[in-house]
């Protein structure tokens, strides 16, 4: 099974720190702890590949996640800094 996910969040004006868009966590951008990077805008994409079940077992499977994302002051400034990538195998 192959799945894709795209997520974008943006806010304008003065945003309190605890309400800023945050990158990382267990849903998208795995490999970064939740809130590792914060700013007014966030964009990320993620792909997931699952092997269910393994050819040699009826009980076990695996998943591979790869993600690519960035935070910035607004959506137009996302490309000014280097984008981050993350990967995880479970």
N, C-alpha and C. Protein backbone atom coordinates (compact mmCIF):
# COMPACT_ATOMS: atom_id res chain seq x y z
N UNK A 1 0.84 -1.15 0.00
CA UNK A 1 0.00 0.00 0.00
C UNK A 1 0.90 1.24 0.00
N UNK A 2 0.55 2.20 -0.79
CA UNK A 2 1.29 3.46 -0.88
C UNK A 2 0.32 4.61 -0.63
N UNK A 3 0.70 5.52 0.26
CA UNK A 3 -0.16 6.66 0.60
C UNK A 3 0.66 7.94 0.59
N UNK A 4 0.00 9.05 0.25
CA UNK A 4 0.63 10.37 0.24
C UNK A 4 -0.19 11.33 1.09
N UNK A 5 0.48 12.30 1.68
CA UNK A 5 -0.20 13.30 2.50
C UNK A 5 0.49 14.64 2.28
N UNK A 6 -0.31 15.69 2.10
CA UNK A 6 0.21 17.06 1.97
C UNK A 6 -0.51 17.91 3.00
N UNK A 7 0.24 18.75 3.71
CA UNK A 7 -0.34 19.58 4.76
C UNK A 7 0.26 20.96 4.68
N UNK A 8 -0.58 21.97 4.81
CA UNK A 8 -0.12 23.35 4.87
C UNK A 8 -0.92 24.13 5.89
N UNK A 9 -0.23 24.96 6.66
CA UNK A 9 -0.86 25.79 7.68
C UNK A 9 -0.27 27.18 7.55
N UNK A 10 -1.11 28.20 7.63
CA UNK A 10 -0.60 29.57 7.57
C UNK A 10 -1.42 30.47 8.49
N UNK A 11 -0.76 31.48 9.02
CA UNK A 11 -1.41 32.48 9.87
C UNK A 11 -0.80 33.83 9.55
N UNK A 12 -1.55 34.88 9.78
CA UNK A 12 -1.01 36.22 9.52
C UNK A 12 -1.14 37.07 10.78
N UNK A 13 -0.35 38.12 10.82
CA UNK A 13 -0.38 39.00 11.97
C UNK A 13 0.44 38.43 13.12
N UNK A 14 0.37 39.09 14.26
CA UNK A 14 1.12 38.58 15.42
C UNK A 14 0.46 37.31 15.97
N UNK A 15 1.20 36.23 15.96
CA UNK A 15 0.69 34.94 16.42
C UNK A 15 1.43 34.56 17.70
N UNK A 16 0.71 34.22 18.77
CA UNK A 16 1.40 33.77 19.99
C UNK A 16 2.23 32.52 19.71
N UNK A 17 3.34 32.40 20.42
CA UNK A 17 4.28 31.30 20.17
C UNK A 17 3.59 29.93 20.24
N UNK A 18 2.76 29.72 21.22
CA UNK A 18 2.13 28.40 21.38
C UNK A 18 1.07 28.11 20.33
N UNK A 19 0.68 29.09 19.51
CA UNK A 19 -0.29 28.85 18.43
C UNK A 19 0.35 28.85 17.05
N UNK A 20 1.67 29.03 16.97
CA UNK A 20 2.36 29.01 15.68
C UNK A 20 2.31 27.61 15.07
N UNK A 21 2.42 27.57 13.75
CA UNK A 21 2.49 26.29 13.04
C UNK A 21 3.77 25.58 13.46
N UNK A 22 3.65 24.31 13.80
CA UNK A 22 4.82 23.57 14.25
C UNK A 22 5.08 22.37 13.36
N UNK A 23 6.37 22.12 13.13
CA UNK A 23 6.78 21.01 12.28
C UNK A 23 7.29 19.88 13.15
N UNK A 24 6.89 18.67 12.83
CA UNK A 24 7.34 17.49 13.56
C UNK A 24 6.20 16.82 14.29
N UNK A 25 6.47 15.66 14.80
CA UNK A 25 5.47 14.91 15.55
C UNK A 25 5.28 13.52 15.01
N UNK A 26 4.25 12.85 15.50
CA UNK A 26 4.04 11.47 15.10
C UNK A 26 3.11 11.33 13.90
N UNK A 27 2.53 12.42 13.41
CA UNK A 27 1.62 12.33 12.27
C UNK A 27 2.34 12.70 10.97
N UNK A 28 3.01 13.84 10.95
CA UNK A 28 3.73 14.26 9.75
C UNK A 28 5.09 14.80 10.17
N UNK A 29 6.07 14.64 9.33
CA UNK A 29 7.48 14.99 9.60
C UNK A 29 8.02 14.18 10.77
N UNK A 30 7.80 12.87 10.73
CA UNK A 30 8.36 11.98 11.74
C UNK A 30 9.87 12.11 11.73
N UNK A 31 10.46 11.90 12.85
CA UNK A 31 11.91 12.06 12.97
C UNK A 31 12.27 13.38 13.63
N UNK A 32 11.35 14.33 13.64
CA UNK A 32 11.52 15.59 14.36
C UNK A 32 10.50 15.61 15.48
N UNK A 33 10.92 15.98 16.68
CA UNK A 33 9.94 16.04 17.75
C UNK A 33 8.97 17.19 17.48
N UNK A 34 7.77 17.07 18.01
CA UNK A 34 6.70 18.05 17.75
C UNK A 34 7.13 19.45 18.20
N UNK A 35 7.07 20.39 17.27
CA UNK A 35 7.42 21.77 17.56
C UNK A 35 8.90 22.08 17.44
N UNK A 36 9.68 21.17 16.85
CA UNK A 36 11.13 21.41 16.68
C UNK A 36 11.37 22.71 15.93
N UNK A 37 10.59 22.95 14.91
CA UNK A 37 10.63 24.21 14.16
C UNK A 37 9.24 24.83 14.21
N UNK A 38 9.16 26.14 14.47
CA UNK A 38 7.89 26.86 14.53
C UNK A 38 8.00 28.18 13.79
N UNK A 39 6.90 28.57 13.14
CA UNK A 39 6.79 29.88 12.52
C UNK A 39 5.33 30.08 12.12
N UNK A 40 5.04 31.17 11.41
CA UNK A 40 3.65 31.46 11.04
C UNK A 40 3.09 30.50 9.99
N UNK A 41 3.94 29.95 9.12
CA UNK A 41 3.48 29.08 8.05
C UNK A 41 4.27 27.78 8.04
N UNK A 42 3.61 26.74 7.57
CA UNK A 42 4.20 25.41 7.53
C UNK A 42 3.67 24.69 6.30
N UNK A 43 4.54 24.00 5.59
CA UNK A 43 4.14 23.16 4.46
C UNK A 43 4.96 21.89 4.49
N UNK A 44 4.31 20.76 4.25
CA UNK A 44 5.02 19.48 4.26
C UNK A 44 4.28 18.47 3.40
N UNK A 45 5.03 17.50 2.93
CA UNK A 45 4.46 16.37 2.20
C UNK A 45 5.10 15.10 2.74
N UNK A 46 4.35 14.03 2.70
CA UNK A 46 4.80 12.78 3.27
C UNK A 46 4.32 11.62 2.43
N UNK A 47 5.14 10.60 2.31
CA UNK A 47 4.76 9.36 1.63
C UNK A 47 4.96 8.21 2.62
N UNK A 48 4.10 7.22 2.51
CA UNK A 48 4.17 6.06 3.39
C UNK A 48 3.99 4.80 2.56
N UNK A 49 4.86 3.84 2.77
CA UNK A 49 4.75 2.55 2.09
C UNK A 49 4.64 1.46 3.14
N UNK A 50 3.62 0.62 3.03
CA UNK A 50 3.40 -0.45 4.01
C UNK A 50 3.48 -1.82 3.35
N UNK A 51 4.18 -2.71 4.04
CA UNK A 51 4.21 -4.12 3.65
C UNK A 51 3.35 -4.86 4.66
N UNK A 52 2.18 -5.29 4.26
CA UNK A 52 1.28 -6.00 5.17
C UNK A 52 0.72 -7.24 4.50
N UNK A 53 0.94 -8.38 4.99
CA UNK A 53 2.03 -8.76 5.88
C UNK A 53 3.29 -9.07 5.08
N UNK A 54 4.38 -9.34 5.80
CA UNK A 54 5.61 -9.78 5.14
C UNK A 54 5.34 -11.10 4.43
N UNK A 55 6.06 -11.38 3.34
CA UNK A 55 5.83 -12.65 2.63
C UNK A 55 6.06 -13.89 3.50
N UNK A 56 6.91 -13.79 4.50
CA UNK A 56 7.24 -14.96 5.32
C UNK A 56 6.45 -15.01 6.63
N UNK A 57 5.56 -14.05 6.87
CA UNK A 57 4.82 -14.02 8.13
C UNK A 57 3.42 -13.48 7.92
N UNK A 58 2.45 -14.05 8.61
CA UNK A 58 1.08 -13.55 8.53
C UNK A 58 0.78 -12.51 9.60
N UNK A 59 1.68 -12.36 10.58
CA UNK A 59 1.44 -11.46 11.70
C UNK A 59 2.18 -10.14 11.63
N UNK A 60 3.30 -10.10 10.95
CA UNK A 60 4.16 -8.92 10.99
C UNK A 60 4.19 -8.17 9.67
N UNK A 61 4.32 -6.87 9.77
CA UNK A 61 4.44 -6.01 8.61
C UNK A 61 5.43 -4.90 8.93
N UNK A 62 5.58 -3.98 8.01
CA UNK A 62 6.49 -2.85 8.23
C UNK A 62 5.96 -1.64 7.48
N UNK A 63 6.43 -0.47 7.87
CA UNK A 63 6.05 0.76 7.20
C UNK A 63 7.29 1.64 7.05
N UNK A 64 7.38 2.33 5.94
CA UNK A 64 8.47 3.25 5.68
C UNK A 64 7.86 4.62 5.40
N UNK A 65 8.32 5.64 6.14
CA UNK A 65 7.82 6.99 5.99
C UNK A 65 8.95 7.88 5.48
N UNK A 66 8.63 8.76 4.55
CA UNK A 66 9.58 9.77 4.10
C UNK A 66 8.81 11.09 3.99
N UNK A 67 9.41 12.16 4.51
CA UNK A 67 8.71 13.45 4.51
C UNK A 67 9.67 14.57 4.16
N UNK A 68 9.08 15.69 3.73
CA UNK A 68 9.83 16.85 3.27
C UNK A 68 9.01 18.08 3.63
N UNK A 69 9.56 19.02 4.41
CA UNK A 69 8.77 20.16 4.82
C UNK A 69 9.61 21.33 5.28
N UNK A 70 8.94 22.45 5.55
CA UNK A 70 9.62 23.67 5.98
C UNK A 70 8.64 24.60 6.69
N UNK A 71 9.17 25.49 7.49
CA UNK A 71 8.39 26.54 8.12
C UNK A 71 8.97 27.89 7.69
N UNK A 72 8.13 28.91 7.73
CA UNK A 72 8.58 30.26 7.36
C UNK A 72 7.61 31.31 7.85
N UNK A 73 7.99 32.56 7.66
CA UNK A 73 7.15 33.68 8.12
C UNK A 73 5.81 33.71 7.38
N UNK A 74 5.83 33.41 6.09
CA UNK A 74 4.60 33.27 5.31
C UNK A 74 4.85 32.24 4.21
N UNK A 75 3.81 31.90 3.46
CA UNK A 75 3.96 30.86 2.44
C UNK A 75 4.97 31.23 1.36
N UNK A 76 5.13 32.51 1.10
CA UNK A 76 6.06 32.95 0.07
C UNK A 76 7.52 32.84 0.53
N UNK A 77 7.76 32.87 1.84
CA UNK A 77 9.12 32.80 2.38
C UNK A 77 9.58 31.38 2.68
N UNK A 78 8.78 30.39 2.42
CA UNK A 78 9.16 29.02 2.74
C UNK A 78 10.40 28.58 1.96
N UNK A 79 10.60 29.11 0.78
CA UNK A 79 11.73 28.67 -0.03
C UNK A 79 13.04 29.38 0.32
N UNK A 80 13.01 30.38 1.20
CA UNK A 80 14.22 31.11 1.54
C UNK A 80 15.19 30.32 2.40
N UNK A 81 14.70 29.38 3.19
CA UNK A 81 15.56 28.54 4.00
C UNK A 81 15.54 27.12 3.46
N UNK A 82 16.49 26.33 3.88
CA UNK A 82 16.57 24.98 3.36
C UNK A 82 15.44 24.12 3.93
N UNK A 83 14.85 23.32 3.07
CA UNK A 83 13.78 22.42 3.47
C UNK A 83 14.38 21.25 4.23
N UNK A 84 13.62 20.70 5.15
CA UNK A 84 14.07 19.58 5.96
C UNK A 84 13.42 18.30 5.48
N UNK A 85 14.13 17.21 5.60
CA UNK A 85 13.55 15.92 5.25
C UNK A 85 13.68 14.97 6.44
N UNK A 86 12.84 14.01 6.46
CA UNK A 86 12.87 13.02 7.53
C UNK A 86 12.43 11.67 6.99
N UNK A 87 12.89 10.61 7.62
CA UNK A 87 12.52 9.25 7.22
C UNK A 87 12.50 8.38 8.46
N UNK A 88 11.66 7.37 8.44
CA UNK A 88 11.56 6.46 9.57
C UNK A 88 11.01 5.14 9.07
N UNK A 89 11.54 4.06 9.63
CA UNK A 89 11.02 2.74 9.33
C UNK A 89 10.48 2.14 10.62
N UNK A 90 9.26 1.65 10.53
CA UNK A 90 8.63 1.09 11.73
C UNK A 90 8.28 -0.37 11.47
